[in-house]
Amino acid sequence: MKAPTPRAIKMARTAAKLSMAQAAELIGYTRFAWFRWEDGSREMRPDLMELFKQKAKEGNGNAT
């Protein structure tokens, strides 16, 4: 699996209508970690993106 792009990470978060802190908390990470994924200084593991999408969908039904 390929790591999600910073743009894809931000789009998933905004589609779920979550702040960086809320998105990070959903998968057990810090807001700073999420920030680094979105700004491209760190790669997000593909499995974390899948986990985020699943949890966001369960939480509010808006994630894609």
Protein backbone atom coordinates (compact mmCIF):
# COMPACT_ATOMS: atom_id res chain seq x y z
CA MET A 1 0.00 0.00 0.00
CA LYS A 2 1.14 3.51 -0.80
CA ALA A 3 1.27 6.28 1.81
CA PRO A 4 -1.50 8.88 1.41
CA THR A 5 -0.48 12.31 0.14
CA PRO A 6 -0.69 15.35 2.44
CA ARG A 7 -3.55 16.63 0.26
CA ALA A 8 -5.47 13.36 0.61
CA ILE A 9 -4.99 13.44 4.38
CA LYS A 10 -6.31 16.99 4.64
CA MET A 11 -9.22 16.24 2.33
CA ALA A 12 -10.24 13.21 4.40
CA ARG A 13 -10.11 15.26 7.60
CA THR A 14 -12.05 18.20 6.22
CA ALA A 15 -14.63 15.89 4.65
CA ALA A 16 -15.17 14.45 8.14
CA LYS A 17 -15.48 18.03 9.47
CA LEU A 18 -12.81 17.48 12.11
CA SER A 19 -9.98 19.64 13.40
CA MET A 20 -6.45 18.24 13.31
CA ALA A 21 -6.67 17.57 17.05
CA GLN A 22 -9.99 15.73 16.70
CA ALA A 23 -8.75 13.68 13.75
CA ALA A 24 -5.55 12.73 15.53
CA GLU A 25 -7.37 11.79 18.73
CA LEU A 26 -9.69 9.53 16.74
CA ILE A 27 -6.75 7.28 15.86
CA GLY A 28 -4.70 7.74 19.03
CA TYR A 29 -2.15 10.29 17.81
CA THR A 30 -1.33 13.90 18.67
CA ARG A 31 -2.34 17.04 16.81
CA PHE A 32 1.35 17.62 16.09
CA ALA A 33 1.65 14.23 14.38
CA TRP A 34 -1.40 15.02 12.26
CA PHE A 35 0.05 18.43 11.38
CA ARG A 36 3.26 16.80 10.18
CA TRP A 37 1.32 14.38 7.97
CA GLU A 38 -0.64 17.24 6.41
CA ASP A 39 2.39 19.45 5.86
CA GLY A 40 4.33 16.57 4.30
CA SER A 41 7.21 16.46 6.78
CA ARG A 42 6.22 12.88 7.72
CA GLU A 43 4.44 10.14 5.82
CA MET A 44 1.26 8.72 7.27
CA ARG A 45 1.15 4.93 7.25
CA PRO A 46 -1.57 3.70 4.86
CA ASP A 47 -3.18 1.60 7.60
CA LEU A 48 -3.66 4.72 9.74
CA MET A 49 -5.52 6.44 6.92
CA GLU A 50 -7.81 3.44 6.60
CA LEU A 51 -8.36 3.42 10.36
CA PHE A 52 -9.13 7.13 10.31
CA LYS A 53 -11.64 6.77 7.48
CA GLN A 54 -13.40 3.91 9.25
CA LYS A 55 -13.59 5.68 12.61
CA ALA A 56 -14.67 8.98 11.05
CA LYS A 57 -17.41 7.16 9.15
CA GLU A 58 -18.61 5.48 12.34
CA GLY A 59 -18.51 8.78 14.21
CA ASN A 60 -20.41 11.08 11.87
CA GLY A 61 -21.11 9.41 8.56
CA ASN A 62 -19.40 12.17 6.56
CA ALA A 63 -16.03 10.61 5.73
CA THR A 64 -15.31 9.43 2.22
